[in-house]
């Protein structure tokens, strides 16, 4: 066994037990969350400590275009140094040979982290907590759809066919029979997750046609962001084995609910391990309310990260299982900020605004940054909502262009996330928006072609 494999997790070593490693995929997340990098023979990987890619991979839009966030020197496409984090090594069990994936961290030649690499942005936010003696803990919930293969973008997305030959069931939330319809895909997801060493807390049917939710255990934000990053690829690969697609679009089908990545947050004292949201007697600590206030006051500024595409804002529809407000409440799923039932030791705050289409590193970083601003500002939240929060006045930007204008002025949030990252992110998102405006939709052709 090569020396570097001894530094990998037990699951990776168990996957290769008695086998020869063929290939290593060296990957890094770009701004949308696409895995970029290169694959190489395992023997080649063992001989190098790093490799190079241009920084401009972080300037690319989801459509394949390029933003131009260069400084005064113009676009020079400098290389960055990518170094493996062996703790992230995990199997790629859908490949034809024996392959490991390894997430790499991005540095400049002088050793400083590349500020707009998403994993570095999240590490920066976690370090800001650690600097004041705190450790954030998160637990993601991933929602997505299984849909029929769609090779023509002009056609609407359709439900996948289940094992009965019928389209996947709609409006059957928590139905085990509905989950059984695509049981073979779920079986592969379980098998892939086990091979990769990931622990699934549960799988449930959501309210949409072919919509599923996977819950992950709570833990370190960077570790959990890595897992969501890997899970998206894992789930897509499992679906392809069964002649369907898995999509993480926020709103893939009309008249169906959208897909969120709900995040549960708690914060621990590093020195004591105590949850800062609870007093020793079990009552709510001031920090609990301050964190909520931070989400209420700063999430509007973070919306271009939490809802990063034009399609993202189609999810925020009243009574479609998506929040349209910044209210908070106990065990109230109509609020954007929900307090789940828990004992004092596990008291936590759920952010329900985040879309599943966001980059997991950036979504977690932005949500945690809003909470940290709340802890620093020590403000009180608005009164809790006990009833139907859908009746509250909407407070968020409802389109990407408006959200970017608010993000541009959010000095406190930008300082925590990193001003260089925010500058690049904003340029890329405005470029994507311009790309979107160049596309003429079927609605426009139907209603404007002959009527105006």
Protein backbone atom coordinates (compact mmCIF):
# COMPACT_ATOMS: atom_id res chain seq x y z
CA UNK A 1 0.00 0.00 0.00
CA UNK A 2 1.43 3.45 -0.91
CA UNK A 3 2.31 5.60 2.10
CA UNK A 4 -0.33 8.22 1.33
CA UNK A 5 -3.13 5.65 1.56
CA UNK A 6 -2.32 5.17 5.26
CA UNK A 7 -3.52 8.77 5.74
CA UNK A 8 -6.94 8.10 4.22
CA UNK A 9 -10.14 7.23 6.11
CA UNK A 10 -10.83 3.65 7.12
CA UNK A 11 -13.68 3.38 4.59
CA UNK A 12 -11.34 4.16 1.70
CA UNK A 13 -8.81 1.59 2.88
CA UNK A 14 -11.55 -1.00 3.40
CA UNK A 15 -12.87 -0.35 -0.12
CA UNK A 16 -9.43 -1.11 -1.57
CA UNK A 17 -8.69 -4.07 0.67
CA UNK A 18 -7.07 -6.77 -1.44
CA UNK A 19 -7.35 -4.66 -4.59
CA UNK A 20 -5.02 -2.47 -6.59
CA UNK A 21 -5.94 1.21 -6.82
CA UNK A 22 -6.17 2.19 -10.50
CA UNK A 23 -7.00 5.88 -10.56
CA UNK A 24 -7.28 8.98 -8.36
CA UNK A 25 -9.64 11.84 -9.13
CA UNK A 26 -8.16 15.10 -7.83
CA UNK A 27 -11.10 17.45 -7.38
CA UNK A 28 -11.99 20.92 -6.17
CA UNK A 29 -15.41 22.57 -6.03
CA UNK A 30 -15.98 25.59 -8.28
CA UNK A 31 -18.53 28.31 -7.43
CA UNK A 32 -21.61 26.37 -8.65
CA UNK A 33 -20.37 23.23 -6.86
CA UNK A 34 -19.20 21.34 -9.94
CA UNK A 35 -16.23 19.05 -9.35
CA UNK A 36 -13.25 20.38 -11.30
CA UNK A 37 -9.76 18.90 -11.47
CA UNK A 38 -8.05 15.99 -13.14
CA UNK A 39 -7.90 12.21 -12.99
CA UNK A 40 -4.58 10.41 -13.01
CA UNK A 41 -3.14 6.93 -12.59
CA UNK A 42 -2.63 6.03 -8.94
CA UNK A 43 1.10 5.53 -9.51
CA UNK A 44 1.40 9.07 -10.87
CA UNK A 45 -0.60 10.51 -7.94
CA UNK A 46 1.70 8.80 -5.44
CA UNK A 47 4.71 10.65 -6.87
CA UNK A 48 3.37 14.19 -6.50
CA UNK A 49 2.41 16.39 -3.57
CA UNK A 50 0.32 18.87 -5.55
CA UNK A 51 -0.83 19.89 -9.01
CA UNK A 52 -1.82 23.09 -10.75
CA UNK A 53 -4.98 24.57 -12.26
CA UNK A 54 -5.71 28.18 -13.26
CA UNK A 55 -7.53 30.35 -10.72
CA UNK A 56 -10.00 31.21 -13.45
CA UNK A 57 -11.94 28.00 -12.86
CA UNK A 58 -13.65 30.09 -10.15
CA UNK A 59 -14.65 32.71 -12.73
CA UNK A 60 -16.76 30.30 -14.80
CA UNK A 61 -20.56 30.53 -14.92
CA UNK A 62 -22.95 27.61 -14.73
CA UNK A 63 -23.53 28.04 -18.49
CA UNK A 64 -19.83 27.75 -19.26
CA UNK A 65 -19.22 31.47 -19.79
CA UNK A 66 -16.69 33.56 -17.92
CA UNK A 67 -16.91 36.49 -15.57
CA UNK A 68 -14.09 39.01 -15.61
CA UNK A 69 -13.30 39.83 -11.98
CA UNK A 70 -9.63 40.54 -12.70
CA UNK A 71 -7.79 43.31 -10.92
CA UNK A 72 -5.71 46.09 -12.45
CA UNK A 73 -3.31 43.62 -14.05
CA UNK A 74 -6.08 42.20 -16.19
CA UNK A 75 -6.78 38.52 -16.90
CA UNK A 76 -3.46 36.65 -16.60
CA UNK A 77 -4.88 33.22 -15.59
CA UNK A 78 -2.32 32.50 -12.87
CA UNK A 79 -1.99 28.95 -11.61
CA UNK A 80 -3.01 27.93 -8.13
CA UNK A 81 -1.50 25.06 -6.17
CA UNK A 82 -3.93 22.25 -5.31
CA UNK A 83 -2.91 20.09 -2.36
CA UNK A 84 -4.79 16.90 -1.35
CA UNK A 85 -6.70 16.63 1.89
CA UNK A 86 -6.27 12.89 2.43
CA UNK A 87 -9.00 12.90 5.09
CA UNK A 88 -11.51 13.42 2.25
CA UNK A 89 -10.41 10.40 0.21
CA UNK A 90 -13.42 8.31 -0.69
CA UNK A 91 -14.41 5.65 -3.20
CA UNK A 92 -15.98 6.29 -6.59
CA UNK A 93 -17.88 2.95 -6.57
CA UNK A 94 -19.77 3.58 -9.84
CA UNK A 95 -16.59 3.53 -11.94
CA UNK A 96 -15.42 0.51 -13.92
CA UNK A 97 -12.09 0.34 -12.11
CA UNK A 98 -10.89 0.96 -8.55
CA UNK A 99 -10.93 4.71 -8.10
CA UNK A 100 -10.66 7.14 -5.21
CA UNK A 101 -11.78 10.77 -5.13
CA UNK A 102 -9.72 13.25 -3.12
CA UNK A 103 -10.77 16.85 -2.43
CA UNK A 104 -7.92 19.31 -2.80
CA UNK A 105 -7.44 22.70 -1.15
CA UNK A 106 -6.44 25.67 -3.28
CA UNK A 107 -3.45 27.86 -2.45
CA UNK A 108 -1.50 30.58 -4.17
CA UNK A 109 2.19 29.99 -4.81
CA UNK A 110 3.04 32.00 -1.67
CA UNK A 111 1.04 29.53 0.45
CA UNK A 112 -1.99 31.74 1.14
CA UNK A 113 -5.43 30.19 0.53
CA UNK A 114 -7.16 31.18 -2.71
CA UNK A 115 -9.87 33.47 -1.27
CA UNK A 116 -12.63 32.55 -3.72
CA UNK A 117 -12.27 28.77 -3.47
CA UNK A 118 -15.57 27.69 -1.83
CA UNK A 119 -13.96 25.27 0.67
CA UNK A 120 -11.60 28.05 1.76
CA UNK A 121 -14.53 30.43 2.24
CA UNK A 122 -16.19 27.97 4.62
CA UNK A 123 -12.92 27.38 6.47
CA UNK A 124 -12.57 31.14 6.88
CA UNK A 125 -16.01 31.37 8.54
CA UNK A 126 -15.31 28.40 10.83
CA UNK A 127 -12.00 30.05 11.82
CA UNK A 128 -13.90 33.23 12.74
CA UNK A 129 -15.96 31.18 15.22
CA UNK A 130 -12.86 29.47 16.59
CA UNK A 131 -11.18 32.85 17.12
CA UNK A 132 -13.81 33.62 19.79
CA UNK A 133 -13.70 30.15 21.34
CA UNK A 134 -16.69 28.64 19.52
CA UNK A 135 -17.24 25.60 17.28
CA UNK A 136 -20.24 25.57 14.92
CA UNK A 137 -22.11 22.30 14.35
CA UNK A 138 -24.45 21.69 11.42
CA UNK A 139 -26.75 18.99 10.07
CA UNK A 140 -27.89 19.24 6.41
CA UNK A 141 -31.09 17.91 4.92
CA UNK A 142 -30.92 17.30 1.16
CA UNK A 143 -34.04 17.37 -1.02
CA UNK A 144 -34.00 16.37 -4.69
CA UNK A 145 -36.11 14.83 -7.45
CA UNK A 146 -35.85 11.65 -9.45
CA UNK A 147 -37.09 12.54 -12.95
CA UNK A 148 -37.31 10.95 -16.38
CA UNK A 149 -34.31 11.43 -18.63
CA UNK A 150 -34.52 14.81 -20.32
CA UNK A 151 -32.25 15.37 -23.30
CA UNK A 152 -34.23 18.25 -24.84
CA UNK A 153 -34.15 21.45 -22.75
CA UNK A 154 -37.24 22.71 -24.62
CA UNK A 155 -39.32 19.92 -23.07
CA UNK A 156 -40.75 20.14 -19.57
CA UNK A 157 -39.32 17.91 -16.86
CA UNK A 158 -41.44 14.80 -16.33
CA UNK A 159 -41.59 12.34 -13.42
CA UNK A 160 -39.59 9.15 -13.62
CA UNK A 161 -41.38 5.83 -14.01
CA UNK A 162 -41.40 3.72 -10.87
CA UNK A 163 -41.07 -0.05 -10.66
CA UNK A 164 -44.84 -0.39 -11.21
CA UNK A 165 -44.50 1.38 -14.57
CA UNK A 166 -46.40 4.41 -13.29
CA UNK A 167 -44.92 7.89 -12.87
CA UNK A 168 -43.49 8.52 -9.44
CA UNK A 169 -46.19 9.42 -6.95
CA UNK A 170 -46.96 13.01 -6.03
CA UNK A 171 -48.23 14.46 -2.76
CA UNK A 172 -47.43 11.27 -0.85
CA UNK A 173 -45.13 12.78 1.78
CA UNK A 174 -43.52 10.20 4.09
CA UNK A 175 -45.06 7.31 2.14
CA UNK A 176 -42.88 4.20 2.23
CA UNK A 177 -44.74 2.83 -0.75
CA UNK A 178 -43.72 5.90 -2.73
CA UNK A 179 -40.09 5.35 -1.78
CA UNK A 180 -40.40 1.71 -2.83
CA UNK A 181 -41.33 2.89 -6.35
CA UNK A 182 -37.70 3.85 -6.90
CA UNK A 183 -36.29 1.34 -4.43
CA UNK A 184 -33.56 0.06 -6.77
CA UNK A 185 -32.12 3.59 -7.04
CA UNK A 186 -32.27 3.98 -3.26
CA UNK A 187 -30.51 0.63 -2.85
CA UNK A 188 -27.63 1.88 -4.99
CA UNK A 189 -27.48 5.11 -3.01
CA UNK A 190 -27.16 3.09 0.19
CA UNK A 191 -24.50 0.85 -1.34
CA UNK A 192 -22.50 3.78 -2.71
CA UNK A 193 -22.76 5.67 0.58
CA UNK A 194 -21.54 2.64 2.52
CA UNK A 195 -18.58 2.19 0.18
CA UNK A 196 -17.74 5.87 0.61
CA UNK A 197 -18.02 5.75 4.39
CA UNK A 198 -21.01 8.12 4.65
CA UNK A 199 -23.69 7.76 7.29
CA UNK A 200 -27.26 8.45 6.18
CA UNK A 201 -29.53 9.47 9.03
CA UNK A 202 -32.70 8.71 7.06
CA UNK A 203 -34.46 8.78 3.68
CA UNK A 204 -38.04 9.98 3.27
CA UNK A 205 -40.50 10.73 0.49
CA UNK A 206 -41.24 14.45 0.25
CA UNK A 207 -44.38 16.09 -1.12
CA UNK A 208 -43.30 16.39 -4.75
CA UNK A 209 -43.50 13.89 -7.58
CA UNK A 210 -40.43 11.69 -7.13
CA UNK A 211 -39.05 14.04 -4.47
CA UNK A 212 -36.82 12.52 -1.80
CA UNK A 213 -35.07 13.87 1.28
CA UNK A 214 -31.84 12.47 2.74
CA UNK A 215 -30.79 13.59 6.21
CA UNK A 216 -27.18 13.57 7.34
CA UNK A 217 -25.90 13.40 10.89
CA UNK A 218 -24.71 16.56 12.68
CA UNK A 219 -21.04 17.45 12.72
CA UNK A 220 -18.23 19.70 11.54
CA UNK A 221 -19.32 22.15 8.78
CA UNK A 222 -16.40 21.45 6.45
CA UNK A 223 -16.80 17.68 6.81
CA UNK A 224 -20.56 17.90 6.15
CA UNK A 225 -20.07 20.23 3.17
CA UNK A 226 -17.64 17.68 1.73
CA UNK A 227 -20.27 14.98 2.17
CA UNK A 228 -23.02 16.99 0.46
CA UNK A 229 -20.58 17.76 -2.36
CA UNK A 230 -19.85 14.04 -2.74
CA UNK A 231 -23.49 13.02 -2.24
CA UNK A 232 -24.71 15.09 -5.17
CA UNK A 233 -22.41 13.16 -7.48
CA UNK A 234 -23.20 9.84 -5.81
CA UNK A 235 -26.96 10.32 -6.18
CA UNK A 236 -26.69 11.40 -9.83
CA UNK A 237 -24.61 8.32 -10.62
CA UNK A 238 -27.07 6.01 -8.86
CA UNK A 239 -29.96 7.48 -10.86
CA UNK A 240 -28.14 7.07 -14.18
CA UNK A 241 -27.81 3.35 -13.48
CA UNK A 242 -31.61 3.13 -13.57
CA UNK A 243 -32.36 5.22 -16.66
CA UNK A 244 -33.43 8.35 -14.80
CA UNK A 245 -31.95 11.64 -13.67
CA UNK A 246 -31.52 13.01 -10.16
CA UNK A 247 -31.86 16.79 -10.13
CA UNK A 248 -30.99 19.31 -7.43
CA UNK A 249 -32.66 22.21 -9.23
CA UNK A 250 -34.56 24.36 -6.78
CA UNK A 251 -37.77 24.15 -8.86
CA UNK A 252 -37.62 21.57 -11.67
CA UNK A 253 -41.37 21.14 -12.25
CA UNK A 254 -44.33 23.48 -12.32
CA UNK A 255 -46.99 22.99 -9.65
CA UNK A 256 -44.62 20.91 -7.54
CA UNK A 257 -42.73 22.00 -4.43
CA UNK A 258 -39.09 22.98 -4.72
CA UNK A 259 -36.03 21.38 -3.18
CA UNK A 260 -34.27 22.87 -0.16
CA UNK A 261 -31.12 22.16 1.76
CA UNK A 262 -32.35 22.84 5.29
CA UNK A 263 -29.48 23.41 7.70
CA UNK A 264 -29.66 22.81 11.46
CA UNK A 265 -27.23 24.94 13.45
CA UNK A 266 -25.87 24.75 16.96
CA UNK A 267 -22.72 26.25 18.46
CA UNK A 268 -20.46 24.77 21.14
CA UNK A 269 -17.94 26.30 23.52
CA UNK A 270 -14.61 24.81 22.51
CA UNK A 271 -13.36 24.79 26.09
CA UNK A 272 -16.38 23.10 27.68
CA UNK A 273 -18.25 21.44 24.82
CA UNK A 274 -21.46 23.11 26.06
CA UNK A 275 -24.15 24.19 23.62
CA UNK A 276 -24.16 28.00 23.88
CA UNK A 277 -27.86 28.12 22.97
CA UNK A 278 -28.77 26.70 26.41
CA UNK A 279 -28.08 27.91 29.96
CA UNK A 280 -26.85 25.38 32.56
CA UNK A 281 -30.43 25.10 33.85
CA UNK A 282 -31.68 24.18 30.37
CA UNK A 283 -33.32 27.50 29.59
CA UNK A 284 -32.66 29.49 26.42
CA UNK A 285 -29.39 31.40 26.54
CA UNK A 286 -29.12 34.94 25.14
CA UNK A 287 -26.91 33.60 22.34
CA UNK A 288 -29.84 31.51 21.09
CA UNK A 289 -31.87 34.63 20.42
CA UNK A 290 -28.89 36.57 19.10
CA UNK A 291 -28.22 33.88 16.48
CA UNK A 292 -31.85 34.01 15.36
CA UNK A 293 -31.65 37.80 15.10
CA UNK A 294 -28.52 37.46 12.99
CA UNK A 295 -30.38 35.21 10.55
CA UNK A 296 -33.34 37.59 10.43
CA UNK A 297 -31.18 40.66 9.88
CA UNK A 298 -28.61 39.30 7.43
CA UNK A 299 -30.11 36.43 5.42
CA UNK A 300 -31.59 38.87 2.83
CA UNK A 301 -28.03 39.97 2.05
CA UNK A 302 -26.92 36.35 1.63
CA UNK A 303 -29.67 35.33 -0.79
CA UNK A 304 -27.47 35.30 -3.94
CA UNK A 305 -25.49 32.51 -2.25
CA UNK A 306 -28.45 30.64 -0.73
CA UNK A 307 -30.57 31.01 -3.90
CA UNK A 308 -27.93 31.40 -6.62
CA UNK A 309 -29.91 31.12 -9.87
CA UNK A 310 -32.95 32.64 -11.55
CA UNK A 311 -34.75 29.34 -11.05
CA UNK A 312 -33.98 29.41 -7.30
CA UNK A 313 -36.60 32.08 -6.64
CA UNK A 314 -39.39 30.00 -8.15
CA UNK A 315 -39.22 27.85 -5.00
CA UNK A 316 -40.52 30.60 -2.71
CA UNK A 317 -44.23 30.05 -3.24
CA UNK A 318 -46.81 30.26 -0.40
CA UNK A 319 -48.13 26.90 0.82
CA UNK A 320 -45.62 24.92 -1.27
CA UNK A 321 -43.46 23.83 1.67
CA UNK A 322 -41.03 26.71 1.19
CA UNK A 323 -40.59 29.70 3.49
CA UNK A 324 -41.38 33.16 2.17
CA UNK A 325 -40.48 35.01 5.35
CA UNK A 326 -37.84 35.52 8.03
CA UNK A 327 -40.11 34.73 10.97
CA UNK A 328 -39.10 32.20 13.61
CA UNK A 329 -41.12 29.72 15.62
CA UNK A 330 -41.02 26.47 17.55
CA UNK A 331 -41.75 23.40 15.41
CA UNK A 332 -43.39 25.64 12.80
CA UNK A 333 -42.62 24.73 9.19
CA UNK A 334 -44.27 27.86 7.81
CA UNK A 335 -41.41 29.97 9.22
CA UNK A 336 -38.12 30.58 7.49
CA UNK A 337 -36.32 29.98 10.80
CA UNK A 338 -37.64 26.93 12.62
CA UNK A 339 -36.75 25.71 16.11
CA UNK A 340 -37.08 21.90 16.11
CA UNK A 341 -38.19 19.93 19.17
CA UNK A 342 -35.07 19.02 21.17
CA UNK A 343 -33.61 18.74 24.63
CA UNK A 344 -31.45 21.64 25.94
CA UNK A 345 -28.17 19.90 25.05
CA UNK A 346 -29.18 19.65 21.38
CA UNK A 347 -31.07 22.95 21.07
CA UNK A 348 -30.64 24.08 17.48
CA UNK A 349 -31.89 26.49 14.83
CA UNK A 350 -33.00 25.40 11.36
CA UNK A 351 -32.51 27.68 8.37
CA UNK A 352 -35.18 26.65 5.84
CA UNK A 353 -34.40 29.27 3.19
CA UNK A 354 -31.40 27.59 1.56
CA UNK A 355 -31.99 25.97 -1.82
CA UNK A 356 -30.55 22.57 -2.75
CA UNK A 357 -29.06 24.20 -5.85
CA UNK A 358 -26.53 26.16 -3.81
CA UNK A 359 -22.88 25.22 -3.43
CA UNK A 360 -22.84 23.38 -0.06
CA UNK A 361 -19.61 25.03 1.07
CA UNK A 362 -20.94 28.49 0.29
CA UNK A 363 -24.47 27.87 1.59
CA UNK A 364 -23.12 26.72 4.95
CA UNK A 365 -20.58 29.56 5.03
CA UNK A 366 -23.22 32.23 4.37
CA UNK A 367 -25.72 30.86 6.89
CA UNK A 368 -23.07 30.52 9.59
CA UNK A 369 -21.78 34.01 8.80
CA UNK A 370 -25.25 35.47 9.36
CA UNK A 371 -25.48 33.68 12.72
CA UNK A 372 -22.02 34.90 13.72
CA UNK A 373 -22.99 38.48 12.90
CA UNK A 374 -25.94 37.97 15.22
CA UNK A 375 -23.73 36.71 18.03
CA UNK A 376 -21.40 39.68 17.60
CA UNK A 377 -24.22 42.25 17.44
CA UNK A 378 -26.16 40.73 20.38
CA UNK A 379 -29.53 41.96 19.10
CA UNK A 380 -32.93 40.53 19.92
CA UNK A 381 -35.07 38.86 17.25
CA UNK A 382 -38.62 39.86 16.52
CA UNK A 383 -41.31 38.10 18.59
CA UNK A 384 -41.85 34.46 17.79
CA UNK A 385 -44.68 33.54 15.40
CA UNK A 386 -47.06 30.92 16.77
CA UNK A 387 -49.45 30.66 13.82
CA UNK A 388 -49.26 30.50 10.04
CA UNK A 389 -46.23 32.54 9.02
CA UNK A 390 -47.24 32.44 5.35
CA UNK A 391 -49.55 35.31 6.27
CA UNK A 392 -46.57 37.49 7.25
CA UNK A 393 -45.25 40.16 4.91
CA UNK A 394 -42.46 38.87 2.64
CA UNK A 395 -39.09 40.40 3.45
CA UNK A 396 -36.61 38.82 1.07
CA UNK A 397 -35.52 39.79 -2.44
CA UNK A 398 -37.60 37.81 -4.90
CA UNK A 399 -35.23 37.75 -7.85
CA UNK A 400 -31.50 37.30 -8.35
CA UNK A 401 -30.88 40.81 -9.67
CA UNK A 402 -32.42 42.46 -6.60
CA UNK A 403 -30.61 40.04 -4.31
CA UNK A 404 -27.26 40.94 -5.85
CA UNK A 405 -27.89 44.64 -5.22
CA UNK A 406 -28.44 43.93 -1.52
CA UNK A 407 -25.42 41.61 -1.39
CA UNK A 408 -23.27 44.39 -2.87
CA UNK A 409 -23.96 46.64 0.14
CA UNK A 410 -23.63 43.97 2.87
CA UNK A 411 -20.30 45.09 4.34
CA UNK A 412 -20.47 42.99 7.51
CA UNK A 413 -21.31 39.78 5.66
CA UNK A 414 -18.69 40.44 3.00
CA UNK A 415 -16.00 40.97 5.63
CA UNK A 416 -16.65 37.56 7.20
CA UNK A 417 -16.89 35.70 3.88
CA UNK A 418 -13.94 37.61 2.42
CA UNK A 419 -14.13 40.69 0.23
CA UNK A 420 -12.15 39.08 -2.60
CA UNK A 421 -14.55 36.15 -2.70
CA UNK A 422 -17.61 38.42 -2.66
CA UNK A 423 -16.22 40.55 -5.50
CA UNK A 424 -15.59 37.50 -7.69
CA UNK A 425 -18.90 35.86 -6.78
CA UNK A 426 -20.88 38.98 -7.60
CA UNK A 427 -19.20 39.43 -11.00
CA UNK A 428 -19.82 35.78 -11.94
CA UNK A 429 -23.47 35.93 -10.86
CA UNK A 430 -24.12 39.14 -12.78
CA UNK A 431 -22.54 37.50 -15.83
CA UNK A 432 -24.85 34.49 -15.40
CA UNK A 433 -27.85 36.80 -15.16
CA UNK A 434 -26.82 38.49 -18.41
CA UNK A 435 -26.49 35.04 -20.02
CA UNK A 436 -30.02 34.17 -18.87
CA UNK A 437 -31.45 37.33 -20.41
CA UNK A 438 -30.14 36.25 -23.82
CA UNK A 439 -32.41 33.17 -23.81
CA UNK A 440 -35.96 33.51 -25.17
CA UNK A 441 -38.35 31.29 -23.19
CA UNK A 442 -41.31 29.24 -24.48
CA UNK A 443 -43.64 31.57 -22.51
CA UNK A 444 -42.38 34.56 -24.48
CA UNK A 445 -42.79 32.77 -27.80
CA UNK A 446 -46.28 31.60 -26.88
CA UNK A 447 -47.70 34.88 -25.57
CA UNK A 448 -45.68 37.60 -27.27
CA UNK A 449 -44.89 36.30 -30.76
CA UNK A 450 -48.30 37.15 -32.28
CA UNK A 451 -50.02 39.19 -29.58
CA UNK A 452 -47.89 42.31 -29.09
